Amino acid sequence: MEIILASGNRHKLFELKEILKGHTLLLPEDIGIDFDFEETGDTFLENSQGKAFALFNQVNRPVLADDSGLNVAALNGEPGIFSARYGSKNGVELEASVRNLYLLDKLKGKSDLSAEFICCMTLVMDLNRFFVVQESFKGEITRESTGINGFGYDPIFFLPEYGKTVAELPEKEKNKISHRGKAGYRIAKLLEGLN
C-alpha cells in the first residue's frame, strides 16, 4: 500500500520504512504537495490526528501521521508536545544539538533524570475509517551527548538496561524498542489486517 507520511522529516521516513516493509511510504514533497501543519493541540493525540486529517483532505489517500516528543519528569513533562520547538525564539527552531544542550542546562541541579518518549500515530484510510496508536519508551537523561545514530534527543536519552544512549544503538535495535518503533509495529499489524 502507498501511504503518505504527514511529515517533512526524512529521519522519521527512514525509520518507518524499516518498520513498514512491504508498503511504500512517501513524504508530501515526494508527490509535489506543500504540507505544513501548525501543531496547536494540547496533546500528542490531538496533534497526530490533526496532521493526519489535514493531509488526508489534501491527498485523499492513506495517510500516516505521528506526533512524538520527550517528557522529562524533573521539568514537569517538558518539552512534551513542544519537543521539536523546545528553546525556540522568534519562531526559529534550534538545531538538535543546541536544543539538547538547552535541555541539559535546564536539568542542572536536578537529581531525577527519568524521562520517556511518547509517540502517537494516526493512520487514516478515509474520513470515517482511521486508527490511533500511542506508545512510550522509558529511560533517563544523561549529562552529556553520546553516540552518532538516530536524531533529536537520542544522544542524551540513556537506557540503563543497555548501558547506552539511544544514539549508540544500531538502527534496527532502536526500531524494536523505541516509542516510534513500537507504535509503528502496531500500525504494521493493523495494515496486515486491512489487506
N, C-alpha and C. Protein backbone atom coordinates (compact mmCIF):
# COMPACT_ATOMS: atom_id res chain seq x y z
N MET A 1 0.84 -1.18 0.00
CA MET A 1 0.00 0.00 0.00
C MET A 1 0.88 1.24 0.00
N GLU A 2 0.47 2.26 -0.72
CA GLU A 2 1.18 3.53 -0.72
C GLU A 2 0.58 4.42 0.37
N ILE A 3 1.43 4.92 1.25
CA ILE A 3 0.99 5.73 2.38
C ILE A 3 1.80 7.02 2.39
N ILE A 4 1.10 8.13 2.55
CA ILE A 4 1.78 9.43 2.63
C ILE A 4 2.00 9.75 4.11
N LEU A 5 3.23 10.03 4.47
CA LEU A 5 3.58 10.37 5.85
C LEU A 5 3.42 11.87 6.05
N ALA A 6 2.61 12.24 7.02
CA ALA A 6 2.32 13.66 7.26
C ALA A 6 3.48 14.31 8.01
N SER A 7 4.57 14.47 7.29
CA SER A 7 5.80 14.99 7.89
C SER A 7 6.73 15.49 6.80
N GLY A 8 7.68 16.30 7.18
CA GLY A 8 8.75 16.69 6.27
C GLY A 8 10.07 16.12 6.76
N ASN A 9 10.01 15.24 7.75
CA ASN A 9 11.19 14.71 8.42
C ASN A 9 11.66 13.40 7.78
N ARG A 10 12.76 13.47 7.06
CA ARG A 10 13.27 12.27 6.37
C ARG A 10 13.81 11.22 7.35
N HIS A 11 14.25 11.65 8.54
CA HIS A 11 14.67 10.68 9.57
C HIS A 11 13.50 9.78 9.96
N LYS A 12 12.32 10.39 10.17
CA LYS A 12 11.12 9.61 10.51
C LYS A 12 10.76 8.69 9.36
N LEU A 13 10.84 9.21 8.14
CA LEU A 13 10.53 8.40 6.96
C LEU A 13 11.43 7.18 6.90
N PHE A 14 12.72 7.38 7.12
CA PHE A 14 13.68 6.28 7.08
C PHE A 14 13.35 5.23 8.14
N GLU A 15 13.09 5.69 9.37
CA GLU A 15 12.75 4.76 10.46
C GLU A 15 11.50 3.95 10.12
N LEU A 16 10.48 4.63 9.64
CA LEU A 16 9.21 3.95 9.38
C LEU A 16 9.26 3.03 8.16
N LYS A 17 10.11 3.35 7.20
CA LYS A 17 10.28 2.45 6.04
C LYS A 17 10.83 1.10 6.49
N GLU A 18 11.70 1.12 7.49
CA GLU A 18 12.26 -0.12 8.03
C GLU A 18 11.20 -0.94 8.76
N ILE A 19 10.26 -0.27 9.37
CA ILE A 19 9.23 -0.94 10.16
C ILE A 19 8.06 -1.39 9.29
N LEU A 20 7.68 -0.56 8.34
CA LEU A 20 6.52 -0.85 7.49
C LEU A 20 6.95 -1.42 6.14
N LYS A 21 7.81 -2.42 6.19
CA LYS A 21 8.29 -3.06 4.95
C LYS A 21 7.10 -3.63 4.19
N GLY A 22 7.17 -3.59 2.88
CA GLY A 22 6.07 -4.08 2.06
C GLY A 22 5.09 -2.98 1.70
N HIS A 23 5.30 -1.79 2.28
CA HIS A 23 4.46 -0.63 1.96
C HIS A 23 5.37 0.47 1.42
N THR A 24 4.83 1.32 0.59
CA THR A 24 5.59 2.45 0.06
C THR A 24 5.23 3.68 0.86
N LEU A 25 6.21 4.25 1.53
CA LEU A 25 5.99 5.48 2.30
C LEU A 25 6.61 6.65 1.56
N LEU A 26 5.86 7.72 1.47
CA LEU A 26 6.33 8.93 0.79
C LEU A 26 6.05 10.14 1.67
N LEU A 27 6.86 11.17 1.52
CA LEU A 27 6.58 12.44 2.16
C LEU A 27 5.72 13.27 1.21
N PRO A 28 4.98 14.23 1.71
CA PRO A 28 4.16 15.07 0.83
C PRO A 28 4.98 15.69 -0.31
N GLU A 29 6.20 16.15 -0.01
CA GLU A 29 7.01 16.77 -1.06
C GLU A 29 7.37 15.80 -2.17
N ASP A 30 7.38 14.49 -1.86
CA ASP A 30 7.68 13.48 -2.88
C ASP A 30 6.59 13.39 -3.94
N ILE A 31 5.39 13.86 -3.59
CA ILE A 31 4.29 13.83 -4.57
C ILE A 31 3.85 15.25 -4.95
N GLY A 32 4.75 16.21 -4.70
CA GLY A 32 4.50 17.60 -5.11
C GLY A 32 3.51 18.36 -4.25
N ILE A 33 3.34 17.91 -3.01
CA ILE A 33 2.40 18.58 -2.10
C ILE A 33 3.18 19.41 -1.09
N ASP A 34 2.77 20.65 -0.93
CA ASP A 34 3.35 21.51 0.09
C ASP A 34 2.50 21.34 1.35
N PHE A 35 3.05 20.70 2.38
CA PHE A 35 2.28 20.43 3.59
C PHE A 35 3.01 20.97 4.80
N ASP A 36 2.35 21.88 5.50
CA ASP A 36 2.92 22.46 6.71
C ASP A 36 1.77 22.62 7.70
N PHE A 37 1.76 21.77 8.70
CA PHE A 37 0.67 21.76 9.67
C PHE A 37 1.12 22.43 10.96
N GLU A 38 0.34 23.39 11.43
CA GLU A 38 0.66 24.05 12.69
C GLU A 38 0.09 23.23 13.84
N GLU A 39 0.97 22.73 14.68
CA GLU A 39 0.55 21.88 15.80
C GLU A 39 0.03 22.76 16.93
N THR A 40 -1.29 22.84 17.04
CA THR A 40 -1.91 23.68 18.07
C THR A 40 -2.62 22.85 19.14
N GLY A 41 -2.55 21.53 19.04
CA GLY A 41 -3.20 20.67 20.02
C GLY A 41 -2.50 20.71 21.37
N ASP A 42 -3.21 20.25 22.39
CA ASP A 42 -2.66 20.19 23.74
C ASP A 42 -2.05 18.84 24.07
N THR A 43 -2.24 17.86 23.17
CA THR A 43 -1.75 16.51 23.40
C THR A 43 -1.12 15.96 22.13
N PHE A 44 -0.34 14.88 22.29
CA PHE A 44 0.21 14.19 21.13
C PHE A 44 -0.93 13.67 20.25
N LEU A 45 -1.99 13.19 20.88
CA LEU A 45 -3.14 12.66 20.15
C LEU A 45 -3.77 13.73 19.26
N GLU A 46 -4.03 14.90 19.83
CA GLU A 46 -4.66 15.98 19.05
C GLU A 46 -3.79 16.38 17.86
N ASN A 47 -2.49 16.49 18.09
CA ASN A 47 -1.60 16.90 17.00
C ASN A 47 -1.48 15.82 15.93
N SER A 48 -1.40 14.55 16.36
CA SER A 48 -1.31 13.44 15.41
C SER A 48 -2.55 13.38 14.53
N GLN A 49 -3.72 13.43 15.15
CA GLN A 49 -4.97 13.38 14.39
C GLN A 49 -5.12 14.62 13.50
N GLY A 50 -4.77 15.77 14.03
CA GLY A 50 -4.87 17.00 13.24
C GLY A 50 -4.05 16.92 11.97
N LYS A 51 -2.80 16.49 12.11
CA LYS A 51 -1.91 16.35 10.94
C LYS A 51 -2.46 15.35 9.94
N ALA A 52 -2.90 14.19 10.46
CA ALA A 52 -3.36 13.11 9.58
C ALA A 52 -4.56 13.55 8.75
N PHE A 53 -5.54 14.14 9.39
CA PHE A 53 -6.74 14.54 8.65
C PHE A 53 -6.50 15.73 7.75
N ALA A 54 -5.62 16.65 8.17
CA ALA A 54 -5.30 17.79 7.31
C ALA A 54 -4.66 17.32 6.00
N LEU A 55 -3.71 16.37 6.11
CA LEU A 55 -3.07 15.87 4.89
C LEU A 55 -4.03 14.99 4.09
N PHE A 56 -4.82 14.17 4.77
CA PHE A 56 -5.79 13.34 4.04
C PHE A 56 -6.71 14.22 3.19
N ASN A 57 -7.14 15.34 3.72
CA ASN A 57 -8.01 16.25 2.97
C ASN A 57 -7.33 16.82 1.74
N GLN A 58 -6.00 16.84 1.72
CA GLN A 58 -5.26 17.31 0.55
C GLN A 58 -5.03 16.20 -0.47
N VAL A 59 -4.77 14.98 0.00
CA VAL A 59 -4.34 13.92 -0.93
C VAL A 59 -5.40 12.85 -1.19
N ASN A 60 -6.37 12.73 -0.28
CA ASN A 60 -7.46 11.74 -0.43
C ASN A 60 -6.95 10.33 -0.70
N ARG A 61 -5.95 9.93 0.07
CA ARG A 61 -5.42 8.56 0.04
C ARG A 61 -4.81 8.26 1.40
N PRO A 62 -4.45 7.01 1.67
CA PRO A 62 -3.98 6.68 3.02
C PRO A 62 -2.84 7.57 3.52
N VAL A 63 -3.00 7.99 4.76
CA VAL A 63 -2.05 8.91 5.40
C VAL A 63 -1.68 8.36 6.77
N LEU A 64 -0.41 8.52 7.13
CA LEU A 64 0.06 8.18 8.46
C LEU A 64 0.72 9.42 9.06
N ALA A 65 0.29 9.77 10.27
CA ALA A 65 0.89 10.92 10.96
C ALA A 65 1.35 10.48 12.33
N ASP A 66 2.41 11.10 12.81
CA ASP A 66 2.79 10.86 14.20
C ASP A 66 3.10 12.18 14.86
N ASP A 67 2.84 12.23 16.13
CA ASP A 67 3.34 13.33 16.94
C ASP A 67 4.06 12.67 18.08
N SER A 68 5.27 13.09 18.29
CA SER A 68 6.07 12.44 19.31
C SER A 68 6.92 13.48 20.03
N GLY A 69 7.37 13.10 21.20
CA GLY A 69 8.19 14.02 21.96
C GLY A 69 8.72 13.38 23.23
N LEU A 70 9.43 14.19 23.96
CA LEU A 70 10.12 13.76 25.17
C LEU A 70 9.49 14.42 26.39
N ASN A 71 9.12 13.60 27.36
CA ASN A 71 8.61 14.12 28.64
C ASN A 71 9.67 13.87 29.71
N VAL A 72 10.13 14.93 30.35
CA VAL A 72 11.15 14.82 31.41
C VAL A 72 10.49 15.12 32.75
N ALA A 73 10.57 14.17 33.66
CA ALA A 73 9.87 14.26 34.94
C ALA A 73 10.25 15.52 35.72
N ALA A 74 11.54 15.81 35.83
CA ALA A 74 12.01 16.94 36.64
C ALA A 74 11.61 18.29 36.05
N LEU A 75 11.18 18.30 34.80
CA LEU A 75 10.76 19.54 34.15
C LEU A 75 9.24 19.56 33.96
N ASN A 76 8.55 18.80 34.81
CA ASN A 76 7.08 18.74 34.77
C ASN A 76 6.55 18.35 33.39
N GLY A 77 7.25 17.42 32.73
CA GLY A 77 6.80 16.93 31.44
C GLY A 77 7.33 17.68 30.24
N GLU A 78 8.08 18.75 30.47
CA GLU A 78 8.70 19.45 29.33
C GLU A 78 9.75 18.53 28.72
N PRO A 79 10.06 18.69 27.45
CA PRO A 79 9.46 19.60 26.49
C PRO A 79 8.12 19.13 25.92
N GLY A 80 7.76 17.87 26.10
CA GLY A 80 6.44 17.37 25.72
C GLY A 80 6.10 17.61 24.26
N ILE A 81 4.90 18.16 24.03
CA ILE A 81 4.46 18.38 22.65
C ILE A 81 5.28 19.46 21.94
N PHE A 82 6.10 20.18 22.70
CA PHE A 82 6.94 21.22 22.11
C PHE A 82 8.36 20.73 21.86
N SER A 83 8.58 19.42 21.88
CA SER A 83 9.93 18.85 21.80
C SER A 83 10.74 19.37 20.62
N ALA A 84 10.15 19.42 19.44
CA ALA A 84 10.89 19.86 18.24
C ALA A 84 11.14 21.36 18.27
N ARG A 85 10.34 22.09 19.03
CA ARG A 85 10.45 23.56 19.07
C ARG A 85 11.02 24.06 20.40
N TYR A 86 11.49 23.14 21.22
CA TYR A 86 11.95 23.50 22.56
C TYR A 86 13.11 24.49 22.48
N GLY A 87 12.99 25.57 23.24
CA GLY A 87 14.05 26.58 23.28
C GLY A 87 14.03 27.55 22.11
N SER A 88 13.07 27.39 21.21
CA SER A 88 12.99 28.27 20.04
C SER A 88 12.69 29.70 20.45
N LYS A 89 13.25 30.63 19.69
CA LYS A 89 12.97 32.04 19.92
C LYS A 89 12.58 32.68 18.60
N ASN A 90 11.53 33.48 18.65
CA ASN A 90 11.04 34.19 17.46
C ASN A 90 10.74 33.24 16.30
N GLY A 91 10.25 32.05 16.64
CA GLY A 91 9.85 31.10 15.59
C GLY A 91 11.00 30.37 14.92
N VAL A 92 12.23 30.59 15.39
CA VAL A 92 13.39 29.92 14.80
C VAL A 92 13.75 28.71 15.66
N GLU A 93 13.63 27.51 15.07
CA GLU A 93 13.92 26.29 15.81
C GLU A 93 15.43 26.11 15.98
N LEU A 94 15.80 25.58 17.12
CA LEU A 94 17.21 25.29 17.39
C LEU A 94 17.63 24.00 16.68
N GLU A 95 18.89 23.92 16.32
CA GLU A 95 19.43 22.65 15.82
C GLU A 95 19.35 21.64 16.96
N ALA A 96 19.24 20.36 16.62
CA ALA A 96 19.06 19.31 17.63
C ALA A 96 20.15 19.37 18.71
N SER A 97 21.40 19.54 18.31
CA SER A 97 22.50 19.53 19.30
C SER A 97 22.38 20.72 20.25
N VAL A 98 21.95 21.87 19.76
CA VAL A 98 21.77 23.06 20.60
C VAL A 98 20.56 22.88 21.51
N ARG A 99 19.51 22.28 20.98
CA ARG A 99 18.30 22.00 21.77
C ARG A 99 18.63 21.04 22.92
N ASN A 100 19.47 20.05 22.62
CA ASN A 100 19.89 19.10 23.67
C ASN A 100 20.66 19.81 24.78
N LEU A 101 21.55 20.71 24.40
CA LEU A 101 22.31 21.48 25.39
C LEU A 101 21.38 22.36 26.23
N TYR A 102 20.37 22.92 25.58
CA TYR A 102 19.38 23.74 26.28
C TYR A 102 18.65 22.90 27.34
N LEU A 103 18.25 21.70 26.95
CA LEU A 103 17.57 20.79 27.89
C LEU A 103 18.49 20.42 29.05
N LEU A 104 19.73 20.07 28.73
CA LEU A 104 20.69 19.69 29.78
C LEU A 104 20.93 20.84 30.75
N ASP A 105 20.97 22.06 30.22
CA ASP A 105 21.16 23.23 31.07
C ASP A 105 19.99 23.39 32.05
N LYS A 106 18.78 23.13 31.57
CA LYS A 106 17.60 23.24 32.44
C LYS A 106 17.58 22.17 33.53
N LEU A 107 18.31 21.08 33.30
CA LEU A 107 18.35 19.98 34.27
C LEU A 107 19.49 20.11 35.29
N LYS A 108 20.31 21.16 35.16
CA LYS A 108 21.40 21.34 36.12
C LYS A 108 20.83 21.45 37.53
N GLY A 109 21.42 20.68 38.45
CA GLY A 109 20.98 20.70 39.83
C GLY A 109 19.80 19.78 40.12
N LYS A 110 19.25 19.15 39.10
CA LYS A 110 18.12 18.23 39.29
C LYS A 110 18.66 16.82 39.48
N SER A 111 18.05 16.06 40.39
CA SER A 111 18.53 14.70 40.62
C SER A 111 17.71 13.65 39.88
N ASP A 112 16.44 13.93 39.66
CA ASP A 112 15.58 12.98 38.94
C ASP A 112 15.73 13.22 37.44
N LEU A 113 16.39 12.29 36.78
CA LEU A 113 16.62 12.43 35.34
C LEU A 113 15.74 11.48 34.51
N SER A 114 14.71 10.92 35.16
CA SER A 114 13.84 9.99 34.42
C SER A 114 13.05 10.74 33.35
N ALA A 115 12.83 10.02 32.25
CA ALA A 115 12.16 10.63 31.10
C ALA A 115 11.51 9.52 30.28
N GLU A 116 10.61 9.92 29.41
CA GLU A 116 10.07 8.96 28.46
C GLU A 116 9.71 9.66 27.16
N PHE A 117 9.93 8.94 26.09
CA PHE A 117 9.48 9.37 24.78
C PHE A 117 8.05 8.88 24.61
N ILE A 118 7.23 9.68 23.95
CA ILE A 118 5.85 9.30 23.61
C ILE A 118 5.70 9.43 22.09
N CYS A 119 4.97 8.51 21.49
CA CYS A 119 4.65 8.60 20.06
C CYS A 119 3.19 8.22 19.85
N CYS A 120 2.44 9.13 19.28
CA CYS A 120 1.05 8.85 18.90
C CYS A 120 0.98 8.84 17.38
N MET A 121 0.48 7.75 16.81
CA MET A 121 0.33 7.62 15.36
C MET A 121 -1.13 7.50 14.99
N THR A 122 -1.48 8.18 13.91
CA THR A 122 -2.83 8.09 13.35
C THR A 122 -2.73 7.66 11.90
N LEU A 123 -3.40 6.57 11.59
CA LEU A 123 -3.50 6.06 10.22
C LEU A 123 -4.90 6.36 9.72
N VAL A 124 -5.01 7.15 8.66
CA VAL A 124 -6.32 7.49 8.09
C VAL A 124 -6.46 6.81 6.74
N MET A 125 -7.47 5.95 6.65
CA MET A 125 -7.79 5.29 5.39
C MET A 125 -8.84 6.09 4.62
N ASP A 126 -9.83 6.60 5.33
CA ASP A 126 -10.77 7.58 4.80
C ASP A 126 -11.35 8.33 5.99
N LEU A 127 -12.21 9.30 5.74
CA LEU A 127 -12.66 10.17 6.83
C LEU A 127 -13.38 9.43 7.95
N ASN A 128 -13.97 8.29 7.63
CA ASN A 128 -14.70 7.53 8.64
C ASN A 128 -14.00 6.24 9.05
N ARG A 129 -12.76 6.07 8.59
CA ARG A 129 -12.01 4.85 8.91
C ARG A 129 -10.58 5.22 9.25
N PHE A 130 -10.29 5.24 10.54
CA PHE A 130 -8.94 5.62 10.97
C PHE A 130 -8.59 4.86 12.25
N PHE A 131 -7.30 4.80 12.52
CA PHE A 131 -6.78 4.02 13.65
C PHE A 131 -5.73 4.86 14.37
N VAL A 132 -5.73 4.77 15.70
CA VAL A 132 -4.79 5.54 16.52
C VAL A 132 -4.06 4.60 17.47
N VAL A 133 -2.75 4.79 17.57
CA VAL A 133 -1.90 4.01 18.46
C VAL A 133 -0.99 4.98 19.21
N GLN A 134 -0.81 4.77 20.51
CA GLN A 134 0.15 5.58 21.26
C GLN A 134 1.02 4.65 22.10
N GLU A 135 2.33 4.88 22.04
CA GLU A 135 3.31 4.07 22.78
C GLU A 135 4.30 4.97 23.50
N SER A 136 5.00 4.40 24.47
CA SER A 136 6.02 5.15 25.21
C SER A 136 7.31 4.33 25.30
N PHE A 137 8.36 5.00 25.73
CA PHE A 137 9.71 4.43 25.76
C PHE A 137 10.45 5.10 26.92
N LYS A 138 10.70 4.36 27.99
CA LYS A 138 11.25 4.96 29.21
C LYS A 138 12.78 4.88 29.26
N GLY A 139 13.36 5.89 29.86
CA GLY A 139 14.80 5.96 30.04
C GLY A 139 15.13 7.10 30.98
N GLU A 140 16.32 7.65 30.82
CA GLU A 140 16.71 8.81 31.61
C GLU A 140 17.64 9.70 30.81
N ILE A 141 17.73 10.93 31.22
CA ILE A 141 18.57 11.90 30.51
C ILE A 141 20.00 11.80 31.05
N THR A 142 20.96 11.80 30.12
CA THR A 142 22.37 11.78 30.51
C THR A 142 22.85 13.22 30.75
N ARG A 143 24.04 13.36 31.24
CA ARG A 143 24.59 14.70 31.47
C ARG A 143 25.32 15.24 30.25
N GLU A 144 25.62 14.33 29.27
CA GLU A 144 26.29 14.79 28.04
C GLU A 144 25.89 13.89 26.88
N SER A 145 25.99 14.44 25.68
CA SER A 145 25.63 13.70 24.47
C SER A 145 26.62 12.59 24.17
N THR A 146 26.09 11.43 23.76
CA THR A 146 26.93 10.30 23.39
C THR A 146 26.27 9.55 22.24
N GLY A 147 27.06 9.21 21.23
CA GLY A 147 26.55 8.42 20.11
C GLY A 147 26.26 9.25 18.88
N ILE A 148 26.22 8.57 17.73
CA ILE A 148 26.05 9.28 16.45
C ILE A 148 24.83 8.81 15.66
N ASN A 149 24.14 7.78 16.15
CA ASN A 149 22.97 7.28 15.42
C ASN A 149 21.72 8.03 15.84
N GLY A 150 20.65 7.80 15.11
CA GLY A 150 19.38 8.41 15.47
C GLY A 150 19.36 9.90 15.21
N PHE A 151 18.47 10.59 15.90
CA PHE A 151 18.34 12.04 15.72
C PHE A 151 17.64 12.63 16.94
N GLY A 152 17.51 13.94 16.95
CA GLY A 152 16.81 14.61 18.04
C GLY A 152 17.48 14.41 19.38
N TYR A 153 16.72 13.95 20.36
CA TYR A 153 17.21 13.79 21.72
C TYR A 153 17.92 12.45 21.94
N ASP A 154 18.04 11.63 20.92
CA ASP A 154 18.65 10.29 21.07
C ASP A 154 20.01 10.30 21.77
N PRO A 155 20.91 11.28 21.48
CA PRO A 155 22.23 11.24 22.13
C PRO A 155 22.21 11.51 23.64
N ILE A 156 21.11 12.03 24.17
CA ILE A 156 21.06 12.30 25.62
C ILE A 156 20.00 11.45 26.32
N PHE A 157 19.43 10.47 25.61
CA PHE A 157 18.42 9.60 26.20
C PHE A 157 19.07 8.25 26.48
N PHE A 158 19.32 8.00 27.77
CA PHE A 158 20.08 6.84 28.22
C PHE A 158 19.14 5.70 28.63
N LEU A 159 19.54 4.47 28.24
CA LEU A 159 18.78 3.26 28.58
C LEU A 159 19.60 2.44 29.56
N PRO A 160 19.27 2.49 30.84
CA PRO A 160 20.08 1.78 31.85
C PRO A 160 20.25 0.29 31.54
N GLU A 161 19.21 -0.35 31.02
CA GLU A 161 19.30 -1.79 30.76
C GLU A 161 20.27 -2.12 29.63
N TYR A 162 20.59 -1.14 28.78
CA TYR A 162 21.55 -1.34 27.70
C TYR A 162 22.91 -0.72 28.04
N GLY A 163 22.92 0.19 28.99
CA GLY A 163 24.15 0.91 29.32
C GLY A 163 24.59 1.83 28.21
N LYS A 164 23.63 2.29 27.40
CA LYS A 164 23.93 3.14 26.23
C LYS A 164 22.83 4.17 26.04
N THR A 165 23.17 5.21 25.28
CA THR A 165 22.12 6.12 24.83
C THR A 165 21.49 5.51 23.59
N VAL A 166 20.33 6.03 23.22
CA VAL A 166 19.65 5.56 22.01
C VAL A 166 20.53 5.80 20.78
N ALA A 167 21.32 6.88 20.80
CA ALA A 167 22.19 7.20 19.67
C ALA A 167 23.37 6.24 19.54
N GLU A 168 23.57 5.39 20.53
CA GLU A 168 24.63 4.38 20.46
C GLU A 168 24.10 3.02 19.99
N LEU A 169 22.79 2.92 19.83
CA LEU A 169 22.20 1.65 19.37
C LEU A 169 22.17 1.59 17.85
N PRO A 170 22.33 0.40 17.29
CA PRO A 170 22.12 0.25 15.85
C PRO A 170 20.65 0.55 15.53
N GLU A 171 20.39 1.07 14.34
CA GLU A 171 19.04 1.47 13.94
C GLU A 171 18.01 0.35 14.12
N LYS A 172 18.37 -0.88 13.75
CA LYS A 172 17.41 -1.99 13.86
C LYS A 172 17.06 -2.26 15.31
N GLU A 173 18.03 -2.15 16.20
CA GLU A 173 17.77 -2.36 17.63
C GLU A 173 16.85 -1.27 18.17
N LYS A 174 17.15 -0.03 17.79
CA LYS A 174 16.32 1.10 18.23
C LYS A 174 14.87 0.90 17.77
N ASN A 175 14.68 0.48 16.52
CA ASN A 175 13.34 0.33 15.98
C ASN A 175 12.52 -0.72 16.73
N LYS A 176 13.18 -1.69 17.34
CA LYS A 176 12.46 -2.74 18.08
C LYS A 176 11.91 -2.23 19.41
N ILE A 177 12.57 -1.25 20.01
CA ILE A 177 12.24 -0.87 21.38
C ILE A 177 11.74 0.56 21.55
N SER A 178 11.94 1.42 20.55
CA SER A 178 11.59 2.83 20.72
C SER A 178 10.09 3.07 20.68
N HIS A 179 9.70 4.24 21.11
CA HIS A 179 8.29 4.66 21.08
C HIS A 179 7.74 4.61 19.67
N ARG A 180 8.50 5.15 18.71
CA ARG A 180 8.04 5.16 17.32
C ARG A 180 8.07 3.75 16.73
N GLY A 181 9.07 2.97 17.11
CA GLY A 181 9.15 1.60 16.64
C GLY A 181 7.97 0.78 17.11
N LYS A 182 7.65 0.87 18.42
CA LYS A 182 6.53 0.10 18.97
C LYS A 182 5.21 0.53 18.34
N ALA A 183 5.01 1.83 18.20
CA ALA A 183 3.78 2.32 17.56
C ALA A 183 3.73 1.89 16.09
N GLY A 184 4.88 1.97 15.42
CA GLY A 184 4.95 1.58 14.01
C GLY A 184 4.63 0.11 13.80
N TYR A 185 5.13 -0.75 14.68
CA TYR A 185 4.85 -2.19 14.54
C TYR A 185 3.36 -2.48 14.79
N ARG A 186 2.75 -1.71 15.66
CA ARG A 186 1.30 -1.88 15.86
C ARG A 186 0.53 -1.45 14.61
N ILE A 187 0.99 -0.37 13.98
CA ILE A 187 0.37 0.07 12.72
C ILE A 187 0.59 -1.00 11.64
N ALA A 188 1.78 -1.58 11.60
CA ALA A 188 2.07 -2.64 10.62
C ALA A 188 1.10 -3.80 10.79
N LYS A 189 0.82 -4.19 12.05
CA LYS A 189 -0.14 -5.27 12.31
C LYS A 189 -1.54 -4.88 11.85
N LEU A 190 -1.91 -3.64 12.10
CA LEU A 190 -3.21 -3.15 11.63
C LEU A 190 -3.30 -3.24 10.11
N LEU A 191 -2.23 -2.83 9.44
CA LEU A 191 -2.22 -2.85 7.97
C LEU A 191 -2.34 -4.28 7.44
N GLU A 192 -1.72 -5.23 8.13
CA GLU A 192 -1.85 -6.64 7.72
C GLU A 192 -3.31 -7.07 7.73
N GLY A 193 -4.02 -6.64 8.74
CA GLY A 193 -5.44 -6.99 8.85
C GLY A 193 -6.32 -6.28 7.86
N LEU A 194 -5.85 -5.15 7.33
CA LEU A 194 -6.65 -4.39 6.37
C LEU A 194 -6.51 -4.91 4.96
N ASN A 195 -5.39 -5.57 4.66
CA ASN A 195 -5.13 -6.01 3.28
C ASN A 195 -5.96 -7.23 2.90
